[in-house]
Amino acid sequence: MSPTQPVPARFHVVIVAQAGRLSYEALLFAASFRAFNPDFPGRFLIAEPQPGDRWPRDPRIANPDLRAMLTEDFGADILPFHARHFGDSYPYGNKIEMLSALPAGEPFVFFDTDTLITGDLTQVPFDFDRPSASLRVEATWPEIQLYGPGYTATWKALYDRFGLDFEASLDLSQPDEYWRRYLYFNAGFFYHRDPAEFGRRFLDYALSIRDDRPRELVCQSLDPWLDQIALPLVIHGLGGGRDALAPGWLDGSHSCHYRVLPLAYAREDQHVIDLLERISAPNKIKKILKGHDPIKRMIYQGKGAQARALFDRANLPRREQVIRNTLKREKLWLR
C-alpha cells in the first residue's frame, strides 16, 4: 500500500453527531481518531443538526459532559447546520445537508460515526480531485423484481436523468446483470476537494430522485437507500470512481466501519476489538459511555465477548443477515 498520489498538506475530517446513539458513537470515533492522529494538521469537525421544522425534538448533542469531552479532550469543532430538506423523515440526509456548512474549497473526508480510525489518516493516498467512497457494501439496492426492470435499466435511467456516461461507470470484468458490474458504494466514508461542489450535486441528485423518480424506480424503495443511490452518480459525475483510492487503506488498515457493536464483535479483526476496548477503558470516558445501554452491555458487561464467541472470524457467513439473525436469536443484537 505505497502512496501513488501526493496527499494535500491539510484536509478536514468530518462526522455527523446528534442526540442519542450517534453522540456516543462520535465519542468512540473521536477517541480512536486522536489515538492515531494526535497532531492532525486539519480540523476535526462534528457537524450537528440544529432545531427546526424538520425535527420534532431538539437534535443537538444533549449530554454536556459528552459534548465537553469531544471539544476539550479530543479537539473537535462543533459545526452547526440546518436540515432544510430531510431531517427526522430521513436522517441519512444529514450527510448530504451538512456539506453546505463545511469550509468551501477545502478538501474533506467524511466518516459515519460508527467507524473506528485505526491509523494515521495523513498516510492515506487520497486524490481529492478523484472522489470515492466505501466499497464495503452488499447488494442492497436495487431489489430486482420478477418482471424487471433489471440492474442495467434501473441504473441507466439514473445516469440518463443527470446526463452522465453510464457505460463508463461499468466494471466490464463483472457479468451483465450482476450487481458488482454497476457503481455502488456504502456511504460510510466519502471525500472530495470541495464540500460545496460535492454537496450541491449530492443534494440536487437526491432531491430529484426522491421527488421525481424515473419510472424504472417506481417499485424500488428509496428509504434508507437514497443517499447510496445518489452517491455513485455524484462520484462518477465529479471524475471519481471505484478505483480512485487504492484498496486496503480505508475499511482496511486505517479505518473500520463496524456499523453496530454486535457486528464489530462478531466479525472484526482482533486489533479492532483491542482498540475499541482500550479507548473505552479510561474512567473519564467510561463514565460517559455507560450512559448508553448497548455500549454499557456490549463493552463493559461482557455481551460483546459473548457475541464474539459465536463466530469463527476465519469462516464467517457470507451474508451479513445470517450474522444478524444469529445475534438476534441469542438476544445480542443491541444498538
C-alpha atoms as a PDB file:
ATOM      1  CA  MET A   1       0.000   0.000   0.000  1.00  0.00           C
ATOM      2  CA  SER A   2       2.511   2.601  -1.097  1.00  0.00           C
ATOM      3  CA  PRO A   3       1.082   6.060  -1.813  1.00  0.00           C
ATOM      4  CA  THR A   4       0.578   6.834  -5.506  1.00  0.00           C
ATOM      5  CA  GLN A   5      -0.745  10.361  -5.125  1.00  0.00           C
ATOM      6  CA  PRO A   6       0.533  13.312  -3.091  1.00  0.00           C
ATOM      7  CA  VAL A   7      -1.734  13.986  -0.131  1.00  0.00           C
ATOM      8  CA  PRO A   8      -2.568  17.669   0.447  1.00  0.00           C
ATOM      9  CA  ALA A   9      -0.853  19.127   3.486  1.00  0.00           C
ATOM     10  CA  ARG A  10      -4.202  19.809   5.078  1.00  0.00           C
ATOM     11  CA  PHE A  11      -7.668  18.317   4.852  1.00  0.00           C
ATOM     12  CA  HIS A  12     -10.557  18.098   7.268  1.00  0.00           C
ATOM     13  CA  VAL A  13     -12.184  15.070   8.866  1.00  0.00           C
ATOM     14  CA  VAL A  14     -15.932  15.361   9.487  1.00  0.00           C
ATOM     15  CA  ILE A  15     -18.612  13.247  11.122  1.00  0.00           C
ATOM     16  CA  VAL A  16     -22.264  13.984  11.930  1.00  0.00           C
ATOM     17  CA  ALA A  17     -23.454  13.618  15.517  1.00  0.00           C
ATOM     18  CA  GLN A  18     -26.669  14.393  17.329  1.00  0.00           C
ATOM     19  CA  ALA A  19     -28.582  13.403  20.464  1.00  0.00           C
ATOM     20  CA  GLY A  20     -28.759   9.699  21.226  1.00  0.00           C
ATOM     21  CA  ARG A  21     -26.699   6.826  19.846  1.00  0.00           C
ATOM     22  CA  LEU A  22     -24.746   8.918  17.342  1.00  0.00           C
ATOM     23  CA  SER A  23     -23.280  11.124  20.076  1.00  0.00           C
ATOM     24  CA  TYR A  24     -21.847   8.086  21.896  1.00  0.00           C
ATOM     25  CA  GLU A  25     -20.515   6.636  18.652  1.00  0.00           C
ATOM     26  CA  ALA A  26     -18.951  10.040  17.969  1.00  0.00           C
ATOM     27  CA  LEU A  27     -17.088   9.801  21.259  1.00  0.00           C
ATOM     28  CA  LEU A  28     -15.654   6.403  20.313  1.00  0.00           C
ATOM     29  CA  PHE A  29     -14.744   7.771  16.878  1.00  0.00           C
ATOM     30  CA  ALA A  30     -13.034  10.799  18.415  1.00  0.00           C
ATOM     31  CA  ALA A  31     -11.029   8.694  20.861  1.00  0.00           C
ATOM     32  CA  SER A  32      -9.835   6.373  18.098  1.00  0.00           C
ATOM     33  CA  PHE A  33      -9.079   9.275  15.744  1.00  0.00           C
ATOM     34  CA  ARG A  34      -6.902  11.086  18.277  1.00  0.00           C
ATOM     35  CA  ALA A  35      -5.175   7.856  19.315  1.00  0.00           C
ATOM     36  CA  PHE A  36      -3.640   7.661  15.823  1.00  0.00           C
ATOM     37  CA  ASN A  37      -3.812  11.321  14.765  1.00  0.00           C
ATOM     38  CA  PRO A  38      -2.733  13.398  17.790  1.00  0.00           C
ATOM     39  CA  ASP A  39      -1.197  16.127  15.611  1.00  0.00           C
ATOM     40  CA  PHE A  40      -3.586  16.008  12.666  1.00  0.00           C
ATOM     41  CA  PRO A  41      -2.929  19.139  10.575  1.00  0.00           C
ATOM     42  CA  GLY A  42      -6.543  19.703   9.529  1.00  0.00           C
ATOM     43  CA  ARG A  43      -9.674  20.291  11.566  1.00  0.00           C
ATOM     44  CA  PHE A  44     -11.721  17.572  13.216  1.00  0.00           C
ATOM     45  CA  LEU A  45     -15.305  18.685  12.589  1.00  0.00           C
ATOM     46  CA  ILE A  46     -18.504  17.369  14.128  1.00  0.00           C
ATOM     47  CA  ALA A  47     -21.486  18.566  12.097  1.00  0.00           C
ATOM     48  CA  GLU A  48     -24.524  18.950  14.348  1.00  0.00           C
ATOM     49  CA  PRO A  49     -28.103  19.471  13.122  1.00  0.00           C
ATOM     50  CA  GLN A  50     -29.902  22.375  14.730  1.00  0.00           C
ATOM     51  CA  PRO A  51     -33.505  22.632  15.929  1.00  0.00           C
ATOM     52  CA  GLY A  52     -36.016  23.491  13.233  1.00  0.00           C
ATOM     53  CA  ASP A  53     -39.187  22.467  11.438  1.00  0.00           C
ATOM     54  CA  ARG A  54     -37.608  19.232  10.172  1.00  0.00           C
ATOM     55  CA  TRP A  55     -37.000  17.935  13.719  1.00  0.00           C
ATOM     56  CA  PRO A  56     -39.845  17.274  16.192  1.00  0.00           C
ATOM     57  CA  ARG A  57     -37.304  17.348  19.047  1.00  0.00           C
ATOM     58  CA  ASP A  58     -34.019  19.179  19.586  1.00  0.00           C
ATOM     59  CA  PRO A  59     -31.456  17.077  17.663  1.00  0.00           C
ATOM     60  CA  ARG A  60     -28.372  18.614  19.269  1.00  0.00           C
ATOM     61  CA  ILE A  61     -25.995  16.586  21.455  1.00  0.00           C
ATOM     62  CA  ALA A  62     -27.772  16.549  24.792  1.00  0.00           C
ATOM     63  CA  ASN A  63     -25.132  15.325  27.238  1.00  0.00           C
ATOM     64  CA  PRO A  64     -22.987  18.321  28.327  1.00  0.00           C
ATOM     65  CA  ASP A  65     -20.160  16.116  29.628  1.00  0.00           C
ATOM     66  CA  LEU A  66     -20.017  14.217  26.355  1.00  0.00           C
ATOM     67  CA  ARG A  67     -20.026  17.454  24.387  1.00  0.00           C
ATOM     68  CA  ALA A  68     -17.228  18.881  26.527  1.00  0.00           C
ATOM     69  CA  MET A  69     -15.120  15.770  26.094  1.00  0.00           C
ATOM     70  CA  LEU A  70     -15.493  15.934  22.309  1.00  0.00           C
ATOM     71  CA  THR A  71     -14.330  19.542  22.176  1.00  0.00           C
ATOM     72  CA  GLU A  72     -11.931  19.847  25.091  1.00  0.00           C
ATOM     73  CA  ASP A  73     -10.332  16.394  25.253  1.00  0.00           C
ATOM     74  CA  PHE A  74     -10.411  15.464  21.576  1.00  0.00           C
ATOM     75  CA  GLY A  75     -10.218  18.884  19.924  1.00  0.00           C
ATOM     76  CA  ALA A  76     -13.386  18.684  17.852  1.00  0.00           C
ATOM     77  CA  ASP A  77     -15.009  21.775  16.379  1.00  0.00           C
ATOM     78  CA  ILE A  78     -18.817  21.589  16.529  1.00  0.00           C
ATOM     79  CA  LEU A  79     -20.209  22.787  13.210  1.00  0.00           C
ATOM     80  CA  PRO A  80     -23.950  23.638  13.284  1.00  0.00           C
ATOM     81  CA  PHE A  81     -26.086  23.118  10.195  1.00  0.00           C
ATOM     82  CA  HIS A  82     -29.801  23.268   9.402  1.00  0.00           C
ATOM     83  CA  ALA A  83     -31.828  20.493   7.785  1.00  0.00           C
ATOM     84  CA  ARG A  84     -33.932  22.118   5.077  1.00  0.00           C
ATOM     85  CA  HIS A  85     -34.910  19.057   3.034  1.00  0.00           C
ATOM     86  CA  PHE A  86     -34.604  15.888   5.163  1.00  0.00           C
ATOM     87  CA  GLY A  87     -34.269  15.929   8.962  1.00  0.00           C
ATOM     88  CA  ASP A  88     -36.261  13.427  11.030  1.00  0.00           C
ATOM     89  CA  SER A  89     -38.040  11.977   7.980  1.00  0.00           C
ATOM     90  CA  TYR A  90     -34.704  10.847   6.526  1.00  0.00           C
ATOM     91  CA  PRO A  91     -31.809  11.251   8.989  1.00  0.00           C
ATOM     92  CA  TYR A  92     -29.316   9.880   6.452  1.00  0.00           C
ATOM     93  CA  GLY A  93     -29.859  13.172   4.658  1.00  0.00           C
ATOM     94  CA  ASN A  94     -27.708  14.793   7.358  1.00  0.00           C
ATOM     95  CA  LYS A  95     -24.589  13.671   5.500  1.00  0.00           C
ATOM     96  CA  ILE A  96     -25.886  15.481   2.410  1.00  0.00           C
ATOM     97  CA  GLU A  97     -27.047  18.715   4.018  1.00  0.00           C
ATOM     98  CA  MET A  98     -24.088  19.152   6.369  1.00  0.00           C
ATOM     99  CA  LEU A  99     -21.749  19.590   3.402  1.00  0.00           C
ATOM    100  CA  SER A 100     -23.003  23.143   2.878  1.00  0.00           C
ATOM    101  CA  ALA A 101     -21.641  24.085   6.332  1.00  0.00           C
ATOM    102  CA  LEU A 102     -18.095  22.835   5.666  1.00  0.00           C
ATOM    103  CA  PRO A 103     -15.345  25.260   4.577  1.00  0.00           C
ATOM    104  CA  ALA A 104     -15.835  25.667   0.832  1.00  0.00           C
ATOM    105  CA  GLY A 105     -12.906  24.757  -1.390  1.00  0.00           C
ATOM    106  CA  GLU A 106     -11.077  22.816   1.331  1.00  0.00           C
ATOM    107  CA  PRO A 107     -10.635  19.022   0.984  1.00  0.00           C
ATOM    108  CA  PHE A 108     -12.613  16.854   3.380  1.00  0.00           C
ATOM    109  CA  VAL A 109     -13.136  13.216   4.318  1.00  0.00           C
ATOM    110  CA  PHE A 110     -16.493  12.268   5.791  1.00  0.00           C
ATOM    111  CA  PHE A 111     -16.922   9.215   8.037  1.00  0.00           C
ATOM    112  CA  ASP A 112     -20.010   7.712   9.624  1.00  0.00           C
ATOM    113  CA  THR A 113     -19.845   7.852  13.413  1.00  0.00           C
ATOM    114  CA  ASP A 114     -19.986   4.042  13.631  1.00  0.00           C
ATOM    115  CA  THR A 115     -16.364   3.934  12.493  1.00  0.00           C
ATOM    116  CA  LEU A 116     -13.087   3.492  14.315  1.00  0.00           C
ATOM    117  CA  ILE A 117      -9.928   5.122  12.980  1.00  0.00           C
ATOM    118  CA  THR A 118      -7.067   2.643  13.146  1.00  0.00           C
ATOM    119  CA  GLY A 119      -4.194   4.556  11.551  1.00  0.00           C
ATOM    120  CA  ASP A 120      -2.659   7.917  10.651  1.00  0.00           C
ATOM    121  CA  LEU A 121      -5.013   9.393   8.046  1.00  0.00           C
ATOM    122  CA  THR A 122      -2.293  11.599   6.575  1.00  0.00           C
ATOM    123  CA  GLN A 123      -0.710   8.383   5.255  1.00  0.00           C
ATOM    124  CA  VAL A 124      -3.763   7.561   3.111  1.00  0.00           C
ATOM    125  CA  PRO A 125      -3.052   8.431  -0.558  1.00  0.00           C
ATOM    126  CA  PHE A 126      -6.190  10.472  -1.199  1.00  0.00           C
ATOM    127  CA  ASP A 127      -6.500  12.112  -4.598  1.00  0.00           C
ATOM    128  CA  PHE A 128      -9.103  14.712  -3.695  1.00  0.00           C
ATOM    129  CA  ASP A 129      -9.670  15.537  -7.371  1.00  0.00           C
ATOM    130  CA  ARG A 130     -10.999  11.985  -7.835  1.00  0.00           C
ATOM    131  CA  PRO A 131     -13.632  11.295  -5.176  1.00  0.00           C
ATOM    132  CA  SER A 132     -14.559   7.830  -3.991  1.00  0.00           C
ATOM    133  CA  ALA A 133     -16.431   6.085  -1.189  1.00  0.00           C
ATOM    134  CA  SER A 134     -16.631   2.802   0.661  1.00  0.00           C
ATOM    135  CA  LEU A 135     -16.689  -0.412  -1.334  1.00  0.00           C
ATOM    136  CA  ARG A 136     -17.523  -2.444   1.766  1.00  0.00           C
ATOM    137  CA  VAL A 137     -21.052  -2.907   0.512  1.00  0.00           C
ATOM    138  CA  GLU A 138     -23.560  -5.652  -0.218  1.00  0.00           C
ATOM    139  CA  ALA A 139     -26.214  -5.884  -2.945  1.00  0.00           C
ATOM    140  CA  THR A 140     -28.737  -3.855  -1.003  1.00  0.00           C
ATOM    141  CA  TRP A 141     -30.133  -1.774  -3.905  1.00  0.00           C
ATOM    142  CA  PRO A 142     -31.875  -2.101  -6.286  1.00  0.00           C
ATOM    143  CA  GLU A 143     -34.027  -5.080  -5.354  1.00  0.00           C
ATOM    144  CA  ILE A 144     -34.761  -6.596  -8.725  1.00  0.00           C
ATOM    145  CA  GLN A 145     -38.405  -7.537  -9.228  1.00  0.00           C
ATOM    146  CA  LEU A 146     -39.560 -10.692 -11.004  1.00  0.00           C
ATOM    147  CA  TYR A 147     -40.647  -8.873 -14.148  1.00  0.00           C
ATOM    148  CA  GLY A 148     -37.917  -6.247 -14.161  1.00  0.00           C
ATOM    149  CA  PRO A 149     -36.511  -3.796 -14.857  1.00  0.00           C
ATOM    150  CA  GLY A 150     -33.032  -5.215 -14.199  1.00  0.00           C
ATOM    151  CA  TYR A 151     -29.854  -3.607 -12.910  1.00  0.00           C
ATOM    152  CA  THR A 152     -28.891  -2.130 -16.279  1.00  0.00           C
ATOM    153  CA  ALA A 153     -32.233  -0.475 -16.959  1.00  0.00           C
ATOM    154  CA  THR A 154     -32.552   0.811 -13.394  1.00  0.00           C
ATOM    155  CA  TRP A 155     -29.105   2.351 -13.135  1.00  0.00           C
ATOM    156  CA  LYS A 156     -29.077   3.624 -16.732  1.00  0.00           C
ATOM    157  CA  ALA A 157     -32.280   5.554 -16.084  1.00  0.00           C
ATOM    158  CA  LEU A 158     -30.497   7.460 -13.326  1.00  0.00           C
ATOM    159  CA  TYR A 159     -27.364   8.178 -15.352  1.00  0.00           C
ATOM    160  CA  ASP A 160     -29.534   9.376 -18.242  1.00  0.00           C
ATOM    161  CA  ARG A 161     -31.536  11.606 -15.885  1.00  0.00           C
ATOM    162  CA  PHE A 162     -28.383  13.547 -14.978  1.00  0.00           C
ATOM    163  CA  GLY A 163     -26.595  13.414 -18.335  1.00  0.00           C
ATOM    164  CA  LEU A 164     -23.868  11.030 -17.109  1.00  0.00           C
ATOM    165  CA  ASP A 165     -21.939   8.438 -19.099  1.00  0.00           C
ATOM    166  CA  PHE A 166     -23.443   5.168 -17.916  1.00  0.00           C
ATOM    167  CA  GLU A 167     -21.159   2.903 -19.952  1.00  0.00           C
ATOM    168  CA  ALA A 168     -18.040   4.497 -18.448  1.00  0.00           C
ATOM    169  CA  SER A 169     -19.241   3.625 -14.948  1.00  0.00           C
ATOM    170  CA  LEU A 170     -19.430  -0.123 -15.550  1.00  0.00           C
ATOM    171  CA  ASP A 171     -16.936  -2.705 -14.352  1.00  0.00           C
ATOM    172  CA  LEU A 172     -16.776  -4.812 -17.508  1.00  0.00           C
ATOM    173  CA  SER A 173     -14.912  -7.589 -15.709  1.00  0.00           C
ATOM    174  CA  GLN A 174     -18.217  -8.430 -13.990  1.00  0.00           C
ATOM    175  CA  PRO A 175     -21.114 -10.217 -15.737  1.00  0.00           C
ATOM    176  CA  ASP A 176     -24.057  -8.321 -17.163  1.00  0.00           C
ATOM    177  CA  GLU A 177     -26.891  -8.002 -14.611  1.00  0.00           C
ATOM    178  CA  TYR A 178     -24.583  -8.890 -11.711  1.00  0.00           C
ATOM    179  CA  TRP A 179     -24.732  -6.129  -9.086  1.00  0.00           C
ATOM    180  CA  ARG A 180     -20.961  -5.585  -8.869  1.00  0.00           C
ATOM    181  CA  ARG A 181     -20.860  -4.532 -12.528  1.00  0.00           C
ATOM    182  CA  TYR A 182     -22.595  -1.291 -11.510  1.00  0.00           C
ATOM    183  CA  LEU A 183     -21.053   1.527  -9.496  1.00  0.00           C
ATOM    184  CA  TYR A 184     -22.364   1.240  -5.932  1.00  0.00           C
ATOM    185  CA  PHE A 185     -20.905   2.430  -2.646  1.00  0.00           C
ATOM    186  CA  ASN A 186     -21.603   2.363   1.043  1.00  0.00           C
ATOM    187  CA  ALA A 187     -21.781   5.967   2.261  1.00  0.00           C
ATOM    188  CA  GLY A 188     -19.716   5.131   5.367  1.00  0.00           C
ATOM    189  CA  PHE A 189     -16.978   7.369   4.009  1.00  0.00           C
ATOM    190  CA  PHE A 190     -16.521   9.666   1.032  1.00  0.00           C
ATOM    191  CA  TYR A 191     -14.202  12.537   0.162  1.00  0.00           C
ATOM    192  CA  HIS A 192     -13.585  15.332  -2.341  1.00  0.00           C
ATOM    193  CA  ARG A 193     -11.629  18.531  -2.816  1.00  0.00           C
ATOM    194  CA  ASP A 194     -14.648  20.801  -2.257  1.00  0.00           C
ATOM    195  CA  PRO A 195     -17.628  20.077   0.018  1.00  0.00           C
ATOM    196  CA  ALA A 196     -19.644  22.872  -1.587  1.00  0.00           C
ATOM    197  CA  GLU A 197     -19.340  21.384  -5.081  1.00  0.00           C
ATOM    198  CA  PHE A 198     -19.881  17.841  -3.848  1.00  0.00           C
ATOM    199  CA  GLY A 199     -22.778  18.875  -1.637  1.00  0.00           C
ATOM    200  CA  ARG A 200     -24.644  20.819  -4.334  1.00  0.00           C
ATOM    201  CA  ARG A 201     -24.560  17.862  -6.677  1.00  0.00           C
ATOM    202  CA  PHE A 202     -25.403  15.367  -3.912  1.00  0.00           C
ATOM    203  CA  LEU A 203     -28.425  17.411  -2.834  1.00  0.00           C
ATOM    204  CA  ASP A 204     -29.654  18.068  -6.390  1.00  0.00           C
ATOM    205  CA  TYR A 205     -29.453  14.396  -7.331  1.00  0.00           C
ATOM    206  CA  ALA A 206     -31.037  13.135  -4.105  1.00  0.00           C
ATOM    207  CA  LEU A 207     -33.969  15.559  -4.311  1.00  0.00           C
ATOM    208  CA  SER A 208     -34.549  14.804  -7.982  1.00  0.00           C
ATOM    209  CA  ILE A 209     -34.643  11.059  -7.297  1.00  0.00           C
ATOM    210  CA  ARG A 210     -36.873  11.469  -4.240  1.00  0.00           C
ATOM    211  CA  ASP A 211     -39.339  13.953  -5.710  1.00  0.00           C
ATOM    212  CA  ASP A 212     -39.493  12.797  -9.336  1.00  0.00           C
ATOM    213  CA  ARG A 213     -38.209   9.254  -9.560  1.00  0.00           C
ATOM    214  CA  PRO A 214     -37.702   7.725 -13.019  1.00  0.00           C
ATOM    215  CA  ARG A 215     -40.387   5.172 -13.879  1.00  0.00           C
ATOM    216  CA  GLU A 216     -37.773   2.402 -13.677  1.00  0.00           C
ATOM    217  CA  LEU A 217     -37.600   3.095  -9.929  1.00  0.00           C
ATOM    218  CA  VAL A 218     -41.336   3.011  -9.214  1.00  0.00           C
ATOM    219  CA  CYS A 219     -41.153  -0.363  -7.462  1.00  0.00           C
ATOM    220  CA  GLN A 220     -37.907   0.404  -5.629  1.00  0.00           C
ATOM    221  CA  SER A 221     -37.594   1.550  -2.019  1.00  0.00           C
ATOM    222  CA  LEU A 222     -35.676   4.789  -1.518  1.00  0.00           C
ATOM    223  CA  ASP A 223     -35.569   4.592   2.285  1.00  0.00           C
ATOM    224  CA  PRO A 224     -32.953   4.102   3.616  1.00  0.00           C
ATOM    225  CA  TRP A 225     -31.068   3.832   0.322  1.00  0.00           C
ATOM    226  CA  LEU A 226     -31.484   7.331  -1.166  1.00  0.00           C
ATOM    227  CA  ASP A 227     -28.002   8.553  -0.193  1.00  0.00           C
ATOM    228  CA  GLN A 228     -26.386   5.409  -1.595  1.00  0.00           C
ATOM    229  CA  ILE A 229     -28.383   5.690  -4.827  1.00  0.00           C
ATOM    230  CA  ALA A 230     -27.258   9.271  -5.421  1.00  0.00           C
ATOM    231  CA  LEU A 231     -23.683   8.841  -4.192  1.00  0.00           C
ATOM    232  CA  PRO A 232     -22.231   6.844  -7.131  1.00  0.00           C
ATOM    233  CA  LEU A 233     -23.804   9.309  -9.545  1.00  0.00           C
ATOM    234  CA  VAL A 234     -22.140  12.202  -7.726  1.00  0.00           C
ATOM    235  CA  ILE A 235     -18.768  10.486  -7.605  1.00  0.00           C
ATOM    236  CA  HIS A 236     -18.878   9.454 -11.257  1.00  0.00           C
ATOM    237  CA  GLY A 237     -20.003  12.924 -12.311  1.00  0.00           C
ATOM    238  CA  LEU A 238     -17.063  14.503 -10.482  1.00  0.00           C
ATOM    239  CA  GLY A 239     -14.496  12.250 -12.155  1.00  0.00           C
ATOM    240  CA  GLY A 240     -14.079   9.684  -9.392  1.00  0.00           C
ATOM    241  CA  GLY A 241     -14.865   6.013  -9.172  1.00  0.00           C
ATOM    242  CA  ARG A 242     -14.270   2.644  -7.591  1.00  0.00           C
ATOM    243  CA  ASP A 243     -10.538   2.699  -8.373  1.00  0.00           C
ATOM    244  CA  ALA A 244      -9.813   6.247  -7.162  1.00  0.00           C
ATOM    245  CA  LEU A 245      -8.384   5.042  -3.841  1.00  0.00           C
ATOM    246  CA  ALA A 246      -6.064   2.061  -3.644  1.00  0.00           C
ATOM    247  CA  PRO A 247      -7.644  -0.815  -1.708  1.00  0.00           C
ATOM    248  CA  GLY A 248      -6.601  -1.669   1.814  1.00  0.00           C
ATOM    249  CA  TRP A 249      -6.440   1.791   3.370  1.00  0.00           C
ATOM    250  CA  LEU A 250      -9.953   2.785   4.464  1.00  0.00           C
ATOM    251  CA  ASP A 251     -12.097  -0.154   5.537  1.00  0.00           C
ATOM    252  CA  GLY A 252      -8.698  -1.730   5.974  1.00  0.00           C
ATOM    253  CA  SER A 253      -5.503  -0.696   7.729  1.00  0.00           C
ATOM    254  CA  HIS A 254      -6.622   2.833   8.657  1.00  0.00           C
ATOM    255  CA  SER A 255     -10.349   2.626   9.423  1.00  0.00           C
ATOM    256  CA  CYS A 256     -13.065   0.154  10.332  1.00  0.00           C
ATOM    257  CA  HIS A 257     -16.731   0.841   9.634  1.00  0.00           C
ATOM    258  CA  TYR A 258     -18.157  -1.581  12.181  1.00  0.00           C
ATOM    259  CA  ARG A 259     -21.766  -0.355  11.782  1.00  0.00           C
ATOM    260  CA  VAL A 260     -23.096  -1.642  15.127  1.00  0.00           C
ATOM    261  CA  LEU A 261     -21.174  -3.022  18.089  1.00  0.00           C
ATOM    262  CA  PRO A 262     -22.624  -6.551  17.874  1.00  0.00           C
ATOM    263  CA  LEU A 263     -21.353  -6.788  14.285  1.00  0.00           C
ATOM    264  CA  ALA A 264     -17.982  -5.432  15.383  1.00  0.00           C
ATOM    265  CA  TYR A 265     -17.565  -8.139  17.987  1.00  0.00           C
ATOM    266  CA  ALA A 266     -18.884 -10.806  15.634  1.00  0.00           C
ATOM    267  CA  ARG A 267     -16.661 -10.177  12.635  1.00  0.00           C
ATOM    268  CA  GLU A 268     -13.906  -7.572  13.026  1.00  0.00           C
ATOM    269  CA  ASP A 269     -10.204  -8.364  13.450  1.00  0.00           C
ATOM    270  CA  GLN A 270      -8.834  -8.655  16.965  1.00  0.00           C
ATOM    271  CA  HIS A 271      -6.812  -5.443  16.669  1.00  0.00           C
ATOM    272  CA  VAL A 272     -10.085  -3.519  16.153  1.00  0.00           C
ATOM    273  CA  ILE A 273     -11.654  -5.035  19.269  1.00  0.00           C
ATOM    274  CA  ASP A 274      -8.457  -4.372  21.233  1.00  0.00           C
ATOM    275  CA  LEU A 275      -8.573  -0.723  20.131  1.00  0.00           C
ATOM    276  CA  LEU A 276     -12.265  -0.407  20.990  1.00  0.00           C
ATOM    277  CA  GLU A 277     -11.745  -1.736  24.495  1.00  0.00           C
ATOM    278  CA  ARG A 278      -8.561   0.254  25.059  1.00  0.00           C
ATOM    279  CA  ILE A 279     -10.044   3.635  24.148  1.00  0.00           C
ATOM    280  CA  SER A 280     -13.202   2.971  26.172  1.00  0.00           C
ATOM    281  CA  ALA A 281     -11.323   1.890  29.325  1.00  0.00           C
ATOM    282  CA  PRO A 282     -10.289   5.222  30.950  1.00  0.00           C
ATOM    283  CA  ASN A 283     -12.654   6.097  33.780  1.00  0.00           C
ATOM    284  CA  LYS A 284     -13.463   9.526  32.397  1.00  0.00           C
ATOM    285  CA  ILE A 285     -14.766   8.180  29.097  1.00  0.00           C
ATOM    286  CA  LYS A 286     -16.247   5.042  30.671  1.00  0.00           C
ATOM    287  CA  LYS A 287     -18.454   7.175  32.929  1.00  0.00           C
ATOM    288  CA  ILE A 288     -19.979   8.830  29.861  1.00  0.00           C
ATOM    289  CA  LEU A 289     -20.225   5.781  27.615  1.00  0.00           C
ATOM    290  CA  LYS A 290     -22.100   3.830  30.288  1.00  0.00           C
ATOM    291  CA  GLY A 291     -24.943   6.264  29.717  1.00  0.00           C
ATOM    292  CA  HIS A 292     -25.765   4.389  26.518  1.00  0.00           C
ATOM    293  CA  ASP A 293     -27.158   0.983  27.429  1.00  0.00           C
ATOM    294  CA  PRO A 294     -25.998  -1.006  24.349  1.00  0.00           C
ATOM    295  CA  ILE A 295     -22.417   0.250  24.804  1.00  0.00           C
ATOM    296  CA  LYS A 296     -22.547  -0.489  28.519  1.00  0.00           C
ATOM    297  CA  ARG A 297     -23.750  -4.030  27.925  1.00  0.00           C
ATOM    298  CA  MET A 298     -21.543  -4.851  24.933  1.00  0.00           C
ATOM    299  CA  ILE A 299     -18.239  -3.403  26.190  1.00  0.00           C
ATOM    300  CA  TYR A 300     -18.468  -3.259  29.962  1.00  0.00           C
ATOM    301  CA  GLN A 301     -20.795  -6.154  30.824  1.00  0.00           C
ATOM    302  CA  GLY A 302     -19.281  -8.782  28.541  1.00  0.00           C
ATOM    303  CA  LYS A 303     -22.032  -9.138  25.946  1.00  0.00           C
ATOM    304  CA  GLY A 304     -19.507  -8.318  23.218  1.00  0.00           C
ATOM    305  CA  ALA A 305     -17.329 -11.232  24.254  1.00  0.00           C
ATOM    306  CA  GLN A 306     -20.393 -13.483  24.149  1.00  0.00           C
ATOM    307  CA  ALA A 307     -21.192 -12.303  20.637  1.00  0.00           C
ATOM    308  CA  ARG A 308     -17.592 -12.845  19.544  1.00  0.00           C
ATOM    309  CA  ALA A 309     -17.576 -16.418  20.817  1.00  0.00           C
ATOM    310  CA  LEU A 310     -20.450 -17.317  18.471  1.00  0.00           C
ATOM    311  CA  PHE A 311     -18.411 -16.871  15.277  1.00  0.00           C
ATOM    312  CA  ASP A 312     -15.231 -18.074  13.626  1.00  0.00           C
ATOM    313  CA  ARG A 313     -13.641 -15.000  12.029  1.00  0.00           C
ATOM    314  CA  ALA A 314     -11.833 -17.276   9.545  1.00  0.00           C
ATOM    315  CA  ASN A 315     -15.131 -18.765   8.391  1.00  0.00           C
ATOM    316  CA  LEU A 316     -17.834 -16.118   8.712  1.00  0.00           C
ATOM    317  CA  PRO A 317     -21.184 -16.479   6.962  1.00  0.00           C
ATOM    318  CA  ARG A 318     -21.119 -14.835   3.550  1.00  0.00           C
ATOM    319  CA  ARG A 319     -24.289 -12.871   4.178  1.00  0.00           C
ATOM    320  CA  GLU A 320     -24.495 -10.293   6.934  1.00  0.00           C
ATOM    321  CA  GLN A 321     -28.122 -11.197   7.527  1.00  0.00           C
ATOM    322  CA  VAL A 322     -27.056 -14.610   8.804  1.00  0.00           C
ATOM    323  CA  ILE A 323     -24.801 -12.943  11.385  1.00  0.00           C
ATOM    324  CA  ARG A 324     -27.599 -10.574  12.387  1.00  0.00           C
ATOM    325  CA  ASN A 325     -30.096 -13.424  12.791  1.00  0.00           C
ATOM    326  CA  THR A 326     -27.688 -15.383  14.985  1.00  0.00           C
ATOM    327  CA  LEU A 327     -27.104 -12.377  17.219  1.00  0.00           C
ATOM    328  CA  LYS A 328     -30.826 -11.678  17.454  1.00  0.00           C
ATOM    329  CA  ARG A 329     -31.549 -15.286  18.359  1.00  0.00           C
ATOM    330  CA  GLU A 330     -29.065 -15.019  21.221  1.00  0.00           C
ATOM    331  CA  LYS A 331     -30.543 -11.644  22.284  1.00  0.00           C
ATOM    332  CA  LEU A 332     -27.243  -9.913  21.496  1.00  0.00           C
ATOM    333  CA  TRP A 333     -28.495  -7.524  18.809  1.00  0.00           C
ATOM    334  CA  LEU A 334     -28.037  -4.384  20.887  1.00  0.00           C
ATOM    335  CA  ARG A 335     -27.952  -0.951  19.264  1.00  0.00           C
END
